[in-house]
Every structure is written in structure tokens, then in C-alpha cells.
Amino acid sequence: MTAALFTAHYLATRNAAEALARTTSSVWDLLRTTHEAAARELQLVESQEYYAHPRMQFAVRQLR
């Protein structure tokens, strides 16, 4: 799932750092939604809005 999200976000932005931040935010909301539902399976359908419109919760910074 992360590879598909990263690819989609990269194709939309053409920026690897932005795509990584969007992917991380999307996955975080998927896991949060799953946890809040107390579900044993990932809430993939219920979280689909976060794939297309991630709430930007993480910033990417370069490490040296």
C-alpha cells in the first residue's frame, strides 16, 4: 500500500519529499482509523479520503 500511495503522490506532485510526507500522513490516518474502530482488519475503504487528500501531519527534512 505504501508503494502505491507514494507512486500516486509522486506522480501528482513530482516531488519525492512531498510524496513521502503525503504517504506518511495517509498511512498514519489509516492506522488511526483502524485503531479507533477497534478493528482487526485495516479500514482501507473507510480511510480512502485520506489517500486522496492527506492531512499533512508530517514534514520531511533532509538528514546529513
PDB file of N, CA and C in Angstrom:
ATOM      1  N   MET A   1       0.812  -1.158   0.000  1.00  0.00           N
ATOM      2  CA  MET A   1       0.000   0.000   0.000  1.00  0.00           C
ATOM      3  C   MET A   1       0.874   1.246   0.000  1.00  0.00           C
ATOM      4  N   THR A   2       1.943   1.246   0.779  1.00  0.00           N
ATOM      5  CA  THR A   2       2.781   2.445   0.831  1.00  0.00           C
ATOM      6  C   THR A   2       3.436   2.724  -0.526  1.00  0.00           C
ATOM      7  N   ALA A   3       3.817   1.677  -1.233  1.00  0.00           N
ATOM      8  CA  ALA A   3       4.421   1.884  -2.554  1.00  0.00           C
ATOM      9  C   ALA A   3       3.411   2.500  -3.522  1.00  0.00           C
ATOM     10  N   ALA A   4       2.181   2.027  -3.473  1.00  0.00           N
ATOM     11  CA  ALA A   4       1.142   2.579  -4.343  1.00  0.00           C
ATOM     12  C   ALA A   4       0.826   4.022  -3.978  1.00  0.00           C
ATOM     13  N   LEU A   5       0.720   4.305  -2.689  1.00  0.00           N
ATOM     14  CA  LEU A   5       0.453   5.680  -2.256  1.00  0.00           C
ATOM     15  C   LEU A   5       1.598   6.607  -2.643  1.00  0.00           C
ATOM     16  N   PHE A   6       2.831   6.167  -2.404  1.00  0.00           N
ATOM     17  CA  PHE A   6       3.975   7.010  -2.746  1.00  0.00           C
ATOM     18  C   PHE A   6       3.989   7.293  -4.246  1.00  0.00           C
ATOM     19  N   THR A   7       3.771   6.268  -5.045  1.00  0.00           N
ATOM     20  CA  THR A   7       3.770   6.453  -6.502  1.00  0.00           C
ATOM     21  C   THR A   7       2.695   7.439  -6.928  1.00  0.00           C
ATOM     22  N   ALA A   8       1.502   7.279  -6.397  1.00  0.00           N
ATOM     23  CA  ALA A   8       0.402   8.190  -6.753  1.00  0.00           C
ATOM     24  C   ALA A   8       0.710   9.623  -6.320  1.00  0.00           C
ATOM     25  N   HIS A   9       1.211   9.786  -5.095  1.00  0.00           N
ATOM     26  CA  HIS A   9       1.533  11.134  -4.614  1.00  0.00           C
ATOM     27  C   HIS A   9       2.700  11.734  -5.396  1.00  0.00           C
ATOM     28  N   TYR A  10       3.662  10.892  -5.763  1.00  0.00           N
ATOM     29  CA  TYR A  10       4.786  11.398  -6.548  1.00  0.00           C
ATOM     30  C   TYR A  10       4.331  11.839  -7.938  1.00  0.00           C
ATOM     31  N   LEU A  11       3.495  11.059  -8.558  1.00  0.00           N
ATOM     32  CA  LEU A  11       3.001  11.432  -9.890  1.00  0.00           C
ATOM     33  C   LEU A  11       2.185  12.725  -9.832  1.00  0.00           C
ATOM     34  N   ALA A  12       1.506  12.954  -8.717  1.00  0.00           N
ATOM     35  CA  ALA A  12       0.699  14.173  -8.575  1.00  0.00           C
ATOM     36  C   ALA A  12       1.554  15.399  -8.299  1.00  0.00           C
ATOM     37  N   THR A  13       2.670  15.210  -7.568  1.00  0.00           N
ATOM     38  CA  THR A  13       3.471  16.366  -7.138  1.00  0.00           C
ATOM     39  C   THR A  13       4.806  16.498  -7.858  1.00  0.00           C
ATOM     40  N   ARG A  14       5.312  15.378  -8.364  1.00  0.00           N
ATOM     41  CA  ARG A  14       6.662  15.334  -8.967  1.00  0.00           C
ATOM     42  C   ARG A  14       7.742  15.789  -7.978  1.00  0.00           C
ATOM     43  N   ASN A  15       7.489  15.522  -6.686  1.00  0.00           N
ATOM     44  CA  ASN A  15       8.422  15.918  -5.635  1.00  0.00           C
ATOM     45  C   ASN A  15       8.489  14.769  -4.635  1.00  0.00           C
ATOM     46  N   ALA A  16       9.668  14.155  -4.512  1.00  0.00           N
ATOM     47  CA  ALA A  16       9.811  12.969  -3.656  1.00  0.00           C
ATOM     48  C   ALA A  16       9.562  13.287  -2.186  1.00  0.00           C
ATOM     49  N   ALA A  17      10.050  14.417  -1.705  1.00  0.00           N
ATOM     50  CA  ALA A  17       9.847  14.778  -0.299  1.00  0.00           C
ATOM     51  C   ALA A  17       8.366  15.008  -0.011  1.00  0.00           C
ATOM     52  N   GLU A  18       7.688  15.708  -0.878  1.00  0.00           N
ATOM     53  CA  GLU A  18       6.253  15.955  -0.715  1.00  0.00           C
ATOM     54  C   GLU A  18       5.476  14.642  -0.782  1.00  0.00           C
ATOM     55  N   ALA A  19       5.846  13.771  -1.699  1.00  0.00           N
ATOM     56  CA  ALA A  19       5.185  12.473  -1.825  1.00  0.00           C
ATOM     57  C   ALA A  19       5.382  11.637  -0.567  1.00  0.00           C
ATOM     58  N   LEU A  20       6.579  11.686   0.006  1.00  0.00           N
ATOM     59  CA  LEU A  20       6.851  10.941   1.235  1.00  0.00           C
ATOM     60  C   LEU A  20       6.025  11.486   2.396  1.00  0.00           C
ATOM     61  N   ALA A  21       5.938  12.799   2.520  1.00  0.00           N
ATOM     62  CA  ALA A  21       5.129  13.411   3.584  1.00  0.00           C
ATOM     63  C   ALA A  21       3.656  13.043   3.425  1.00  0.00           C
ATOM     64  N   ARG A  22       3.166  13.068   2.197  1.00  0.00           N
ATOM     65  CA  ARG A  22       1.764  12.711   1.946  1.00  0.00           C
ATOM     66  C   ARG A  22       1.512  11.238   2.237  1.00  0.00           C
ATOM     67  N   THR A  23       2.445  10.386   1.844  1.00  0.00           N
ATOM     68  CA  THR A  23       2.304   8.949   2.086  1.00  0.00           C
ATOM     69  C   THR A  23       2.277   8.656   3.573  1.00  0.00           C
ATOM     70  N   THR A  24       3.190   9.252   4.319  1.00  0.00           N
ATOM     71  CA  THR A  24       3.249   9.042   5.766  1.00  0.00           C
ATOM     72  C   THR A  24       1.958   9.504   6.432  1.00  0.00           C
ATOM     73  N   SER A  25       1.459  10.655   6.018  1.00  0.00           N
ATOM     74  CA  SER A  25       0.215  11.175   6.584  1.00  0.00           C
ATOM     75  C   SER A  25      -0.971  10.274   6.243  1.00  0.00           C
ATOM     76  N   SER A  26      -1.016   9.767   5.028  1.00  0.00           N
ATOM     77  CA  SER A  26      -2.097   8.867   4.620  1.00  0.00           C
ATOM     78  C   SER A  26      -2.080   7.579   5.432  1.00  0.00           C
ATOM     79  N   VAL A  27      -0.909   6.987   5.595  1.00  0.00           N
ATOM     80  CA  VAL A  27      -0.789   5.738   6.343  1.00  0.00           C
ATOM     81  C   VAL A  27      -1.130   5.968   7.817  1.00  0.00           C
ATOM     82  N   TRP A  28      -0.681   7.083   8.369  1.00  0.00           N
ATOM     83  CA  TRP A  28      -0.981   7.397   9.769  1.00  0.00           C
ATOM     84  C   TRP A  28      -2.497   7.444   9.998  1.00  0.00           C
ATOM     85  N   ASP A  29      -3.211   8.114   9.094  1.00  0.00           N
ATOM     86  CA  ASP A  29      -4.660   8.205   9.256  1.00  0.00           C
ATOM     87  C   ASP A  29      -5.341   6.861   9.048  1.00  0.00           C
ATOM     88  N   LEU A  30      -4.825   6.028   8.171  1.00  0.00           N
ATOM     89  CA  LEU A  30      -5.356   4.673   8.019  1.00  0.00           C
ATOM     90  C   LEU A  30      -5.197   3.907   9.327  1.00  0.00           C
ATOM     91  N   LEU A  31      -4.023   3.969   9.927  1.00  0.00           N
ATOM     92  CA  LEU A  31      -3.790   3.253  11.182  1.00  0.00           C
ATOM     93  C   LEU A  31      -4.621   3.844  12.317  1.00  0.00           C
ATOM     94  N   ARG A  32      -4.769   5.152  12.358  1.00  0.00           N
ATOM     95  CA  ARG A  32      -5.587   5.803  13.384  1.00  0.00           C
ATOM     96  C   ARG A  32      -7.047   5.373  13.241  1.00  0.00           C
ATOM     97  N   THR A  33      -7.557   5.388  12.022  1.00  0.00           N
ATOM     98  CA  THR A  33      -8.940   4.988  11.768  1.00  0.00           C
ATOM     99  C   THR A  33      -9.164   3.535  12.178  1.00  0.00           C
ATOM    100  N   THR A  34      -8.212   2.678  11.853  1.00  0.00           N
ATOM    101  CA  THR A  34      -8.309   1.264  12.222  1.00  0.00           C
ATOM    102  C   THR A  34      -8.296   1.098  13.736  1.00  0.00           C
ATOM    103  N   HIS A  35      -7.420   1.812  14.396  1.00  0.00           N
ATOM    104  CA  HIS A  35      -7.334   1.734  15.856  1.00  0.00           C
ATOM    105  C   HIS A  35      -8.623   2.228  16.515  1.00  0.00           C
ATOM    106  N   GLU A  36      -9.130   3.360  16.045  1.00  0.00           N
ATOM    107  CA  GLU A  36     -10.352   3.921  16.620  1.00  0.00           C
ATOM    108  C   GLU A  36     -11.572   3.015  16.407  1.00  0.00           C
ATOM    109  N   ALA A  37     -11.553   2.255  15.324  1.00  0.00           N
ATOM    110  CA  ALA A  37     -12.646   1.326  15.049  1.00  0.00           C
ATOM    111  C   ALA A  37     -12.498   0.025  15.839  1.00  0.00           C
ATOM    112  N   ALA A  38     -11.355  -0.118  16.520  1.00  0.00           N
ATOM    113  CA  ALA A  38     -11.048  -1.349  17.253  1.00  0.00           C
ATOM    114  C   ALA A  38     -11.205  -2.560  16.335  1.00  0.00           C
ATOM    115  N   ALA A  39     -10.772  -2.382  15.100  1.00  0.00           N
ATOM    116  CA  ALA A  39     -10.920  -3.423  14.093  1.00  0.00           C
ATOM    117  C   ALA A  39      -9.667  -4.286  14.010  1.00  0.00           C
ATOM    118  N   ARG A  40      -9.856  -5.506  13.591  1.00  0.00           N
ATOM    119  CA  ARG A  40      -8.725  -6.418  13.392  1.00  0.00           C
ATOM    120  C   ARG A  40      -8.182  -6.322  11.977  1.00  0.00           C
ATOM    121  N   GLU A  41      -8.966  -5.709  11.091  1.00  0.00           N
ATOM    122  CA  GLU A  41      -8.533  -5.533   9.707  1.00  0.00           C
ATOM    123  C   GLU A  41      -8.372  -4.054   9.414  1.00  0.00           C
ATOM    124  N   LEU A  42      -7.424  -3.732   8.549  1.00  0.00           N
ATOM    125  CA  LEU A  42      -7.222  -2.338   8.169  1.00  0.00           C
ATOM    126  C   LEU A  42      -8.497  -1.753   7.569  1.00  0.00           C
ATOM    127  N   GLN A  43      -8.818  -0.566   7.950  1.00  0.00           N
ATOM    128  CA  GLN A  43     -10.017   0.119   7.475  1.00  0.00           C
ATOM    129  C   GLN A  43      -9.685   0.860   6.172  1.00  0.00           C
ATOM    130  N   LEU A  44      -9.423   0.072   5.125  1.00  0.00           N
ATOM    131  CA  LEU A  44      -8.969   0.628   3.846  1.00  0.00           C
ATOM    132  C   LEU A  44     -10.029   1.492   3.166  1.00  0.00           C
ATOM    133  N   VAL A  45     -11.238   1.021   3.107  1.00  0.00           N
ATOM    134  CA  VAL A  45     -12.308   1.767   2.444  1.00  0.00           C
ATOM    135  C   VAL A  45     -12.676   2.999   3.255  1.00  0.00           C
ATOM    136  N   GLU A  46     -12.787   2.833   4.558  1.00  0.00           N
ATOM    137  CA  GLU A  46     -13.172   3.935   5.432  1.00  0.00           C
ATOM    138  C   GLU A  46     -12.138   5.057   5.435  1.00  0.00           C
ATOM    139  N   SER A  47     -10.917   4.754   5.055  1.00  0.00           N
ATOM    140  CA  SER A  47      -9.830   5.737   5.073  1.00  0.00           C
ATOM    141  C   SER A  47      -9.498   6.300   3.697  1.00  0.00           C
ATOM    142  N   GLN A  48     -10.269   5.967   2.687  1.00  0.00           N
ATOM    143  CA  GLN A  48      -9.895   6.333   1.321  1.00  0.00           C
ATOM    144  C   GLN A  48      -9.776   7.845   1.093  1.00  0.00           C
ATOM    145  N   GLU A  49     -10.513   8.643   1.810  1.00  0.00           N
ATOM    146  CA  GLU A  49     -10.399  10.094   1.646  1.00  0.00           C
ATOM    147  C   GLU A  49      -8.994  10.581   2.027  1.00  0.00           C
ATOM    148  N   TYR A  50      -8.370   9.909   2.989  1.00  0.00           N
ATOM    149  CA  TYR A  50      -7.022  10.290   3.421  1.00  0.00           C
ATOM    150  C   TYR A  50      -5.962   9.951   2.372  1.00  0.00           C
ATOM    151  N   TYR A  51      -6.259   9.047   1.466  1.00  0.00           N
ATOM    152  CA  TYR A  51      -5.300   8.734   0.407  1.00  0.00           C
ATOM    153  C   TYR A  51      -5.263   9.876  -0.610  1.00  0.00           C
ATOM    154  N   ALA A  52      -6.421  10.359  -0.962  1.00  0.00           N
ATOM    155  CA  ALA A  52      -6.513  11.417  -1.975  1.00  0.00           C
ATOM    156  C   ALA A  52      -6.212  12.787  -1.396  1.00  0.00           C
ATOM    157  N   HIS A  53      -6.588  13.001  -0.139  1.00  0.00           N
ATOM    158  CA  HIS A  53      -6.422  14.313   0.500  1.00  0.00           C
ATOM    159  C   HIS A  53      -5.839  14.128   1.897  1.00  0.00           C
ATOM    160  N   PRO A  54      -4.553  13.803   1.965  1.00  0.00           N
ATOM    161  CA  PRO A  54      -3.960  13.554   3.279  1.00  0.00           C
ATOM    162  C   PRO A  54      -3.930  14.828   4.135  1.00  0.00           C
ATOM    163  N   ARG A  55      -4.167  14.634   5.423  1.00  0.00           N
ATOM    164  CA  ARG A  55      -3.991  15.742   6.367  1.00  0.00           C
ATOM    165  C   ARG A  55      -2.487  15.802   6.640  1.00  0.00           C
ATOM    166  N   MET A  56      -1.843  16.832   6.196  1.00  0.00           N
ATOM    167  CA  MET A  56      -0.389  16.906   6.258  1.00  0.00           C
ATOM    168  C   MET A  56       0.082  17.028   7.707  1.00  0.00           C
ATOM    169  N   GLN A  57       0.408  15.879   8.296  1.00  0.00           N
ATOM    170  CA  GLN A  57       0.788  15.802   9.701  1.00  0.00           C
ATOM    171  C   GLN A  57       2.289  15.664   9.908  1.00  0.00           C
ATOM    172  N   PHE A  58       3.000  15.362   8.847  1.00  0.00           N
ATOM    173  CA  PHE A  58       4.437  15.108   8.959  1.00  0.00           C
ATOM    174  C   PHE A  58       5.197  15.914   7.929  1.00  0.00           C
ATOM    175  N   ALA A  59       6.261  16.517   8.359  1.00  0.00           N
ATOM    176  CA  ALA A  59       7.135  17.242   7.446  1.00  0.00           C
ATOM    177  C   ALA A  59       8.364  16.382   7.185  1.00  0.00           C
ATOM    178  N   VAL A  60       8.907  16.492   6.011  1.00  0.00           N
ATOM    179  CA  VAL A  60      10.111  15.751   5.649  1.00  0.00           C
ATOM    180  C   VAL A  60      11.287  16.706   5.735  1.00  0.00           C
ATOM    181  N   ARG A  61      12.351  16.256   6.353  1.00  0.00           N
ATOM    182  CA  ARG A  61      13.564  17.074   6.379  1.00  0.00           C
ATOM    183  C   ARG A  61      14.761  16.195   6.056  1.00  0.00           C
ATOM    184  N   GLN A  62      15.707  16.784   5.416  1.00  0.00           N
ATOM    185  CA  GLN A  62      16.892  16.049   4.996  1.00  0.00           C
ATOM    186  C   GLN A  62      17.854  15.896   6.164  1.00  0.00           C
ATOM    187  N   LEU A  63      18.348  14.686   6.346  1.00  0.00           N
ATOM    188  CA  LEU A  63      19.351  14.406   7.376  1.00  0.00           C
ATOM    189  C   LEU A  63      20.719  14.421   6.737  1.00  0.00           C
ATOM    190  N   ARG A  64      21.671  14.867   7.447  1.00  0.00           N
ATOM    191  CA  ARG A  64      23.050  14.916   6.900  1.00  0.00           C
ATOM    192  C   ARG A  64      23.949  13.957   7.605  1.00  0.00           C
TER     193      ARG A  64
END
